[in-house]
Protein backbone atom coordinates (compact mmCIF):
# COMPACT_ATOMS: atom_id res chain seq x y z
CA MET A 1 43.84 -127.05 37.44
CA THR A 2 44.20 -122.94 36.90
CA VAL A 3 44.91 -120.82 39.74
CA LYS A 4 42.71 -118.02 39.81
CA ILE A 5 45.39 -114.62 41.21
CA GLY A 6 43.98 -111.61 42.44
CA VAL A 7 47.31 -109.17 42.60
CA ILE A 8 46.70 -106.52 45.15
CA GLY A 9 49.56 -103.47 43.90
CA THR A 10 50.10 -102.44 40.26
CA GLY A 11 52.62 -100.62 40.58
CA MET A 12 56.02 -101.96 39.24
CA ILE A 13 56.95 -104.99 40.82
CA GLY A 14 52.35 -105.90 40.67
CA ARG A 15 53.05 -105.32 36.30
CA ASP A 16 56.05 -107.34 36.42
CA HIS A 17 54.77 -110.42 38.32
CA THR A 18 51.16 -110.71 36.34
CA ARG A 19 53.30 -110.05 33.53
CA ARG A 20 55.07 -113.67 34.06
CA ILE A 21 52.09 -115.12 35.36
CA GLN A 22 49.93 -114.56 32.23
CA GLN A 23 52.58 -114.35 29.69
CA VAL A 24 55.69 -116.79 31.38
CA LEU A 25 54.33 -119.32 34.01
CA THR A 26 52.03 -122.05 33.48
CA GLY A 27 48.82 -123.04 35.99
CA GLY A 28 47.79 -119.54 36.53
CA GLU A 29 45.44 -116.71 35.89
CA VAL A 30 45.47 -113.01 36.78
CA VAL A 31 41.51 -112.86 37.37
CA ALA A 32 41.51 -109.46 39.88
CA PHE A 33 42.94 -106.48 40.95
CA SER A 34 43.37 -103.59 43.41
CA ASP A 35 44.96 -100.54 44.28
CA VAL A 36 44.81 -97.68 45.84
CA ASN A 37 45.06 -95.93 42.46
CA LEU A 38 42.30 -97.60 40.64
CA GLU A 39 42.99 -95.89 37.19
CA GLY A 40 46.23 -97.94 37.23
CA ALA A 41 44.43 -100.98 37.86
CA LYS A 42 42.28 -100.80 35.20
CA ALA A 43 45.72 -99.69 32.97
CA LEU A 44 47.09 -102.80 34.17
CA ARG A 45 43.85 -105.22 33.29
CA ASP A 46 43.29 -103.49 29.99
CA ASP A 47 47.84 -104.39 28.70
CA LEU A 48 47.87 -107.53 30.56
CA ALA A 49 44.86 -109.25 31.81
CA PRO A 50 41.45 -107.70 30.23
CA ASP A 51 39.44 -110.33 31.48
CA ALA A 52 39.99 -109.92 34.92
CA GLU A 53 37.93 -107.56 37.62
CA ILE A 54 38.79 -104.19 39.70
CA PHE A 55 37.51 -104.56 43.53
CA GLU A 56 38.22 -101.34 45.20
CA SER A 57 39.75 -102.36 48.01
CA GLY A 58 42.37 -105.49 49.14
CA GLN A 59 40.35 -106.95 51.34
CA ALA A 60 37.20 -107.03 49.16
CA LEU A 61 39.66 -108.85 46.45
CA ILE A 62 40.50 -111.43 49.51
CA ALA A 63 36.87 -112.14 49.86
CA SER A 64 35.98 -112.38 46.12
CA ASP A 65 34.95 -116.48 45.36
CA LYS A 66 36.53 -115.57 42.14
CA VAL A 67 39.78 -115.55 43.85
CA ASP A 68 41.89 -119.01 44.87
CA ALA A 69 45.24 -117.10 45.80
CA VAL A 70 46.46 -113.84 46.27
CA LEU A 71 49.59 -111.88 45.11
CA VAL A 72 50.36 -108.77 47.83
CA THR A 73 52.58 -106.10 45.74
CA SER A 74 51.59 -103.11 47.23
CA TRP A 75 52.75 -100.39 49.54
CA GLY A 76 55.24 -102.34 52.74
CA ALA A 77 52.98 -101.04 54.93
CA THR A 78 50.08 -102.59 53.64
CA HIS A 79 51.22 -105.80 53.64
CA GLU A 80 50.43 -107.33 57.00
CA GLU A 81 46.55 -106.71 56.74
CA TYR A 82 46.41 -108.42 53.15
CA VAL A 83 48.15 -111.06 54.55
CA LEU A 84 46.31 -112.34 57.76
CA ALA A 85 42.60 -111.08 55.68
CA ALA A 86 43.90 -114.13 53.30
CA ILE A 87 44.72 -116.24 56.06
CA ALA A 88 41.81 -115.80 57.63
CA ALA A 89 39.93 -116.39 54.40
CA GLY A 90 42.25 -119.53 53.73
CA LYS A 91 43.87 -118.91 50.28
CA PRO A 92 47.65 -118.97 49.46
CA VAL A 93 49.14 -115.64 49.76
CA PHE A 94 52.36 -114.63 48.37
CA CYS A 95 53.71 -111.54 49.89
CA GLU A 96 56.70 -109.34 48.57
CA LYS A 97 59.01 -108.38 51.43
CA PRO A 98 58.36 -106.50 54.20
CA LEU A 99 56.46 -109.47 55.36
CA ALA A 100 55.27 -106.61 57.43
CA THR A 101 56.95 -103.26 58.95
CA THR A 102 57.57 -104.02 62.55
CA ALA A 103 58.89 -107.47 64.11
CA GLU A 104 55.38 -107.47 65.86
CA GLY A 105 53.35 -107.04 62.46
CA ALA A 106 55.01 -110.21 61.28
CA LYS A 107 55.45 -112.37 64.76
CA GLY A 108 51.34 -112.05 64.43
CA ILE A 109 51.18 -113.43 60.88
CA VAL A 110 53.18 -116.06 62.58
CA GLU A 111 50.16 -116.65 65.08
CA ALA A 112 47.86 -116.40 62.70
CA GLU A 113 49.23 -118.87 60.07
CA VAL A 114 50.00 -121.52 63.30
CA GLU A 115 46.52 -121.25 64.82
CA HIS A 116 45.24 -121.20 60.82
CA GLY A 117 47.52 -125.07 60.95
CA LYS A 118 48.52 -124.95 57.71
CA ARG A 119 51.14 -123.09 56.01
CA LEU A 120 49.53 -120.72 53.40
CA VAL A 121 51.93 -117.35 53.14
CA GLN A 122 55.37 -117.56 50.95
CA VAL A 123 57.45 -114.24 51.21
CA GLY A 124 58.92 -113.21 48.18
CA PHE A 125 62.77 -113.62 48.78
CA MET A 126 63.64 -114.61 45.58
CA ARG A 127 67.11 -115.67 46.08
CA ARG A 128 66.97 -118.68 47.47
CA TYR A 129 65.72 -119.79 43.70
CA ASP A 130 68.72 -117.96 41.74
CA LYS A 131 70.58 -120.67 40.49
CA GLY A 132 73.68 -118.57 41.16
CA TYR A 133 73.32 -119.21 45.08
CA ASN A 134 71.67 -122.55 45.15
CA GLN A 135 75.08 -123.91 43.18
CA LEU A 136 76.66 -121.76 45.82
CA LYS A 137 74.68 -123.90 48.45
CA ASP A 138 76.04 -127.07 47.07
CA THR A 139 79.84 -126.74 46.92
CA LEU A 140 79.26 -125.34 50.22
CA ASN A 141 77.38 -128.44 51.45
CA SER A 142 79.64 -130.72 49.48
CA GLU A 143 83.24 -129.57 48.80
CA LEU A 144 83.75 -126.41 51.34
CA GLY A 145 83.81 -128.70 54.93
CA ALA A 146 82.58 -126.12 57.73
CA PRO A 147 82.14 -122.47 56.74
CA LEU A 148 83.92 -120.25 58.60
CA MET A 149 83.66 -116.94 57.06
CA VAL A 150 81.48 -115.04 54.35
CA HIS A 151 82.38 -112.09 52.67
CA ALA A 152 79.47 -110.21 50.64
CA ALA A 153 79.02 -106.73 48.73
CA HIS A 154 75.19 -105.70 47.49
CA ARG A 155 75.89 -102.61 45.39
CA ASN A 156 73.28 -100.13 43.09
CA PRO A 157 74.22 -97.75 41.17
CA THR A 158 72.34 -95.31 42.51
CA VAL A 159 68.84 -94.63 45.01
CA PRO A 160 65.98 -91.82 45.43
CA GLU A 161 66.66 -89.26 47.88
CA GLN A 162 64.14 -90.76 49.73
CA TYR A 163 66.62 -93.17 50.53
CA VAL A 164 67.70 -93.06 53.87
CA THR A 165 70.50 -94.89 56.28
CA PRO A 166 68.22 -97.34 57.72
CA MET A 167 66.07 -98.32 54.41
CA ALA A 168 69.80 -99.98 53.66
CA ILE A 169 68.72 -102.39 56.38
CA HIS A 170 64.83 -102.85 56.01
CA ASP A 171 65.08 -102.46 51.98
CA THR A 172 68.49 -103.72 51.03
CA LEU A 173 70.40 -105.85 53.33
CA ILE A 174 66.59 -107.87 54.18
CA HIS A 175 67.64 -109.92 51.11
CA GLU A 176 71.13 -110.78 52.35
CA ILE A 177 69.86 -111.25 55.88
CA ASP A 178 67.54 -114.10 53.97
CA THR A 179 69.82 -115.50 52.06
CA PHE A 180 72.93 -116.29 54.72
CA ARG A 181 70.06 -118.07 57.16
CA TRP A 182 69.08 -120.12 54.44
CA LEU A 183 72.58 -120.77 52.73
CA LEU A 184 74.27 -121.98 55.86
CA ASP A 185 71.60 -123.24 57.67
CA ASP A 186 72.38 -120.96 60.22
CA ASP A 187 70.32 -117.70 62.80
CA TYR A 188 72.23 -115.23 63.83
CA VAL A 189 72.69 -114.22 67.79
CA ALA A 190 74.94 -111.03 66.98
CA THR A 191 75.22 -107.42 65.12
CA ARG A 192 77.57 -104.55 64.59
CA VAL A 193 77.89 -101.76 61.77
CA THR A 194 80.95 -99.90 60.42
CA PHE A 195 80.87 -96.61 58.85
CA PRO A 196 83.55 -95.82 56.32
CA ARG A 197 84.77 -92.73 54.77
CA THR A 198 80.51 -91.29 53.41
CA CYS A 199 81.02 -90.83 49.78
CA SER A 200 79.83 -87.86 47.91
CA ALA A 201 76.82 -89.15 46.43
CA SER A 202 75.04 -89.53 49.53
CA HIS A 203 73.05 -86.59 51.29
CA ALA A 204 72.72 -85.53 54.77
CA LYS A 205 70.42 -88.45 55.42
CA LEU A 206 71.67 -91.19 54.04
CA ARG A 207 75.64 -92.75 55.36
CA ASP A 208 76.72 -94.74 52.63
CA PRO A 209 77.97 -97.11 52.58
CA GLN A 210 78.00 -98.98 55.43
CA ILE A 211 79.74 -102.75 56.76
CA VAL A 212 76.73 -104.98 58.77
CA THR A 213 78.61 -107.58 60.14
CA LEU A 214 76.66 -110.50 61.16
CA ILE A 215 77.28 -113.41 63.30
CA THR A 216 75.81 -116.87 63.90
CA LYS A 217 74.82 -119.26 66.24
CA LYS A 218 77.52 -121.80 64.73
CA GLY A 219 80.26 -119.01 64.51
CA VAL A 220 80.49 -118.17 61.21
CA VAL A 221 81.54 -114.16 61.12
CA ILE A 222 79.36 -112.31 57.73
CA ASN A 223 80.29 -109.30 57.05
CA THR A 224 78.02 -106.97 54.27
CA GLU A 225 79.06 -104.11 52.40
CA ILE A 226 75.99 -101.79 51.40
CA PHE A 227 76.82 -99.50 48.73
CA VAL A 228 73.67 -97.74 47.29
CA ASN A 229 75.32 -94.85 45.20
CA CYS A 230 78.60 -96.97 43.86
CA LYS A 231 77.76 -96.16 40.31
CA TYR A 232 78.96 -98.52 37.95
CA GLY A 233 76.31 -101.31 38.58
CA TYR A 234 74.02 -103.39 40.47
CA ASP A 235 76.12 -105.58 41.53
CA ILE A 236 75.86 -109.02 44.04
CA GLN A 237 78.96 -110.93 45.33
CA CYS A 238 79.17 -113.39 47.87
CA GLU A 239 82.25 -115.53 49.13
CA VAL A 240 82.25 -118.02 51.53
CA VAL A 241 85.35 -119.54 53.02
CA GLY A 242 85.61 -122.80 54.03
CA GLU A 243 87.65 -125.15 56.72
CA GLU A 244 88.30 -126.83 53.07
CA GLY A 245 87.82 -124.23 50.37
CA VAL A 246 87.03 -120.80 49.31
CA ALA A 247 84.14 -120.35 46.52
CA ARG A 248 82.21 -117.37 45.02
CA LEU A 249 78.55 -116.57 43.67
CA PRO A 250 78.99 -116.99 39.94
CA GLU A 251 79.12 -113.51 38.19
CA PRO A 252 75.60 -113.55 35.54
CA MET A 253 75.98 -114.94 31.98
CA SER A 254 77.56 -112.46 29.56
CA VAL A 255 80.14 -112.20 27.26
CA VAL A 256 83.74 -111.54 27.91
CA MET A 257 84.97 -108.90 24.86
CA ARG A 258 87.95 -107.37 23.59
CA LYS A 259 88.13 -103.82 22.23
CA ASN A 260 89.96 -101.02 21.95
CA ALA A 261 93.07 -102.46 24.31
CA LYS A 262 90.29 -103.74 27.24
CA LEU A 263 89.35 -106.53 28.10
CA GLN A 264 85.51 -105.81 29.59
CA ASN A 265 82.42 -107.58 30.64
CA PRO A 266 78.79 -105.85 31.16
CA ILE A 267 77.56 -105.31 34.34
CA LEU A 268 74.10 -105.25 34.93
CA THR A 269 72.45 -101.90 36.62
CA ASP A 270 68.64 -102.79 37.67
CA TRP A 271 67.67 -105.95 40.22
CA LYS A 272 64.87 -107.27 37.72
CA GLY A 273 67.42 -108.06 35.19
CA ARG A 274 69.78 -109.97 37.82
CA PHE A 275 67.69 -112.00 39.01
CA VAL A 276 65.22 -112.71 36.73
CA GLU A 277 65.07 -116.32 36.05
CA ALA A 278 65.02 -116.28 40.23
CA PHE A 279 61.67 -114.63 39.91
CA ASP A 280 60.24 -116.58 37.33
CA THR A 281 60.97 -119.65 39.98
CA GLU A 282 59.81 -118.63 42.53
CA LEU A 283 56.30 -117.04 40.97
CA GLN A 284 55.91 -120.79 39.48
CA ASN A 285 56.41 -122.59 42.65
CA PHE A 286 53.92 -120.63 44.20
CA VAL A 287 51.24 -121.02 41.21
CA ASP A 288 52.05 -124.76 41.64
CA THR A 289 51.83 -125.37 45.37
CA ALA A 290 49.38 -123.20 45.62
CA ALA A 291 46.69 -125.39 43.41
CA THR A 292 47.69 -127.51 46.30
CA GLY A 293 46.29 -125.33 48.83
CA THR A 294 49.23 -124.36 50.31
CA VAL A 295 53.03 -122.97 49.60
CA GLU A 296 56.41 -123.98 50.23
CA GLY A 297 58.97 -121.67 50.00
CA PRO A 298 60.18 -118.64 52.55
CA SER A 299 57.65 -118.84 55.05
CA ALA A 300 55.61 -116.56 57.46
CA TRP A 301 58.76 -117.53 60.30
CA ASP A 302 61.57 -116.82 57.80
CA GLY A 303 59.75 -113.35 57.04
CA TYR A 304 59.77 -113.08 61.17
CA MET A 305 63.43 -114.06 61.55
CA ALA A 306 64.22 -111.31 58.29
CA ALA A 307 62.32 -108.50 60.52
CA VAL A 308 63.69 -109.56 63.63
CA THR A 309 67.19 -109.20 62.49
CA SER A 310 66.43 -106.06 60.62
CA ASP A 311 65.53 -104.40 63.95
CA ALA A 312 68.67 -105.45 65.63
CA CYS A 313 70.96 -103.88 62.35
CA VAL A 314 69.00 -100.99 62.27
CA ALA A 315 69.69 -100.65 66.31
CA ALA A 316 73.95 -101.61 65.78
CA GLN A 317 73.68 -98.72 62.86
CA GLU A 318 72.14 -96.01 65.98
CA ASP A 319 74.91 -97.42 68.29
CA GLU A 320 77.98 -97.52 65.56
CA GLY A 321 80.58 -100.03 66.66
CA ALA A 322 78.37 -101.94 69.36
CA THR A 323 77.75 -105.58 69.44
CA ILE A 324 73.98 -105.84 69.40
CA ASP A 325 72.12 -109.51 70.71
CA ILE A 326 70.07 -110.63 67.99
CA ASN A 327 67.29 -112.87 70.07
CA TYR A 328 64.51 -115.15 68.69
CA PRO A 329 62.02 -116.91 69.95
CA ASP A 330 61.63 -121.07 69.48
CA ARG A 331 60.17 -121.78 65.73
CA PRO A 332 56.91 -123.39 65.39
CA ALA A 333 56.70 -126.81 64.49
CA LEU A 334 54.45 -125.82 61.58
CA TYR A 335 57.64 -124.37 60.37
CA ASN A 336 59.52 -127.29 61.14
């Protein structure tokens, strides 16, 4: 069976996912596009899916009998309405983060999916599909004993002028928030934020870098450095300290070179390159499970947990040094 997929949002990530479905993955075909920029949607169709239909709205695309499953890669503020529409239509939907721009919005999606009675929503937390993170999780589970601490860093070479302090949580740390819940099989109970000296590359509306501490139910303390103007590259680091050992996330594979009296290897500068294989595996998983009428992978519940945690982290930014409690409702049986 070929899963006929409609893509809502034809910007950078929509284009990249369309390319993978059409040229890299198996079992899926993009048959429809929708975007507020219809010319952009038409250009993507002409480049990668010439037989696809253009719809003037995401809702019309979701309702079409030609579409079996939906990819939501549009502006974040639109995600909630499209995911809810896909659930109402009974169609599997892959939604890039954020699932919704508020915790209440994400909660509404969870409630709609629970009422439907079957998982239909997969959230785009691609790090769960990264080989390095999976190796780290396997090592943690088999070699390290009980985890005690995690030291991590999320560094970007630069960010646009419109990037402001809360975006360090909602747009950047959001991946670590989900990854550590999955890596440790644990949930959070509290957070606090500390701001070191602000780097000269920042601006008045962005305090950069910052250190976010998350404390889990099992007592693990996670310290994550967010530094989005580090200049030297896109660099994701993670070290788990256990009772019996320490393990680090593998570096992306690259050639080590000796030249000009230096020992060096390249560092990536683009997140798409760092996680390209994870994106491929993630979308292949969605296509494979959508063919059966359901989904696996990061769930609407995971998206909701990330939203609740993000809101607490932003509150901690606004009350620097204070410990902010994180409270979750009971998890519905659908997500057990």
